[in-house]
Amino acid sequence: MARDVLCEVNSCKYWAPGNECHAKSIYVVNNRNKQATDSAETDCKTFEPKL
């Protein structure tokens, strides 16, 4: 399991300085209802906007 999760989406509430993700878990899904063949075909469902 990955120990260091990096994220550049600084509008996410789990984003931290150094592009670290501080979410307890990460949930990534296919975004086109088919088997993903590259990262552009995936979405992070863990994302929550900063308020």
C-alpha atoms as a PDB file:
ATOM      1  CA  MET A   1       0.000   0.000   0.000  1.00  0.00           C
ATOM      2  CA  ALA A   2       1.237   3.496  -0.790  1.00  0.00           C
ATOM      3  CA  ARG A   3       2.465   5.423   2.232  1.00  0.00           C
ATOM      4  CA  ASP A   4       2.969   8.766   0.527  1.00  0.00           C
ATOM      5  CA  VAL A   5       0.084  10.058  -1.562  1.00  0.00           C
ATOM      6  CA  LEU A   6       0.796  13.218  -3.523  1.00  0.00           C
ATOM      7  CA  CYS A   7      -1.904  15.555  -4.799  1.00  0.00           C
ATOM      8  CA  GLU A   8      -1.673  18.894  -6.603  1.00  0.00           C
ATOM      9  CA  VAL A   9      -5.378  19.750  -6.192  1.00  0.00           C
ATOM     10  CA  ASN A  10      -5.015  22.505  -3.607  1.00  0.00           C
ATOM     11  CA  SER A  11      -8.762  23.208  -3.698  1.00  0.00           C
ATOM     12  CA  CYS A  12      -9.361  19.841  -1.955  1.00  0.00           C
ATOM     13  CA  LYS A  13      -9.870  19.853   1.819  1.00  0.00           C
ATOM     14  CA  TYR A  14      -7.368  16.967   2.152  1.00  0.00           C
ATOM     15  CA  TRP A  15      -4.572  18.815   0.354  1.00  0.00           C
ATOM     16  CA  ALA A  16      -1.611  19.883   2.518  1.00  0.00           C
ATOM     17  CA  PRO A  17       1.600  21.833   1.822  1.00  0.00           C
ATOM     18  CA  GLY A  18       4.140  19.822  -0.119  1.00  0.00           C
ATOM     19  CA  ASN A  19       1.289  18.434  -2.263  1.00  0.00           C
ATOM     20  CA  GLU A  20       0.480  15.812   0.364  1.00  0.00           C
ATOM     21  CA  CYS A  21      -2.920  14.171   0.689  1.00  0.00           C
ATOM     22  CA  HIS A  22      -4.127  13.845   4.286  1.00  0.00           C
ATOM     23  CA  ALA A  23      -7.242  11.763   3.573  1.00  0.00           C
ATOM     24  CA  LYS A  24      -7.662   8.621   5.679  1.00  0.00           C
ATOM     25  CA  SER A  25      -8.273   6.579   2.519  1.00  0.00           C
ATOM     26  CA  ILE A  26      -8.307   7.188  -1.238  1.00  0.00           C
ATOM     27  CA  TYR A  27     -11.068   6.077  -3.621  1.00  0.00           C
ATOM     28  CA  VAL A  28     -10.320   6.188  -7.373  1.00  0.00           C
ATOM     29  CA  VAL A  29     -12.791   5.046 -10.067  1.00  0.00           C
ATOM     30  CA  ASN A  30     -13.016   4.720 -13.846  1.00  0.00           C
ATOM     31  CA  ASN A  31     -14.607   7.886 -15.210  1.00  0.00           C
ATOM     32  CA  ARG A  32     -16.006   6.563 -18.484  1.00  0.00           C
ATOM     33  CA  ASN A  33     -17.761   3.349 -17.394  1.00  0.00           C
ATOM     34  CA  LYS A  34     -15.055   1.251 -19.020  1.00  0.00           C
ATOM     35  CA  GLN A  35     -11.686  -0.182 -18.080  1.00  0.00           C
ATOM     36  CA  ALA A  36      -9.221   2.693 -17.682  1.00  0.00           C
ATOM     37  CA  THR A  37      -6.121   2.576 -19.865  1.00  0.00           C
ATOM     38  CA  ASP A  38      -4.444   5.748 -18.526  1.00  0.00           C
ATOM     39  CA  SER A  39      -4.740   8.200 -15.643  1.00  0.00           C
ATOM     40  CA  ALA A  40      -6.910  10.602 -17.675  1.00  0.00           C
ATOM     41  CA  GLU A  41      -9.651   7.972 -17.561  1.00  0.00           C
ATOM     42  CA  THR A  42      -9.801   7.899 -13.756  1.00  0.00           C
ATOM     43  CA  ASP A  43     -11.347  10.154 -11.090  1.00  0.00           C
ATOM     44  CA  CYS A  44     -10.543  10.632  -7.416  1.00  0.00           C
ATOM     45  CA  LYS A  45     -13.817  10.244  -5.500  1.00  0.00           C
ATOM     46  CA  THR A  46     -12.050  11.232  -2.267  1.00  0.00           C
ATOM     47  CA  PHE A  47     -11.999  14.875  -3.394  1.00  0.00           C
ATOM     48  CA  GLU A  48     -13.997  17.291  -1.248  1.00  0.00           C
ATOM     49  CA  PRO A  49     -13.792  21.015  -1.906  1.00  0.00           C
ATOM     50  CA  LYS A  50     -12.340  23.317   0.725  1.00  0.00           C
ATOM     51  CA  LEU A  51     -15.053  25.478   2.242  1.00  0.00           C
END
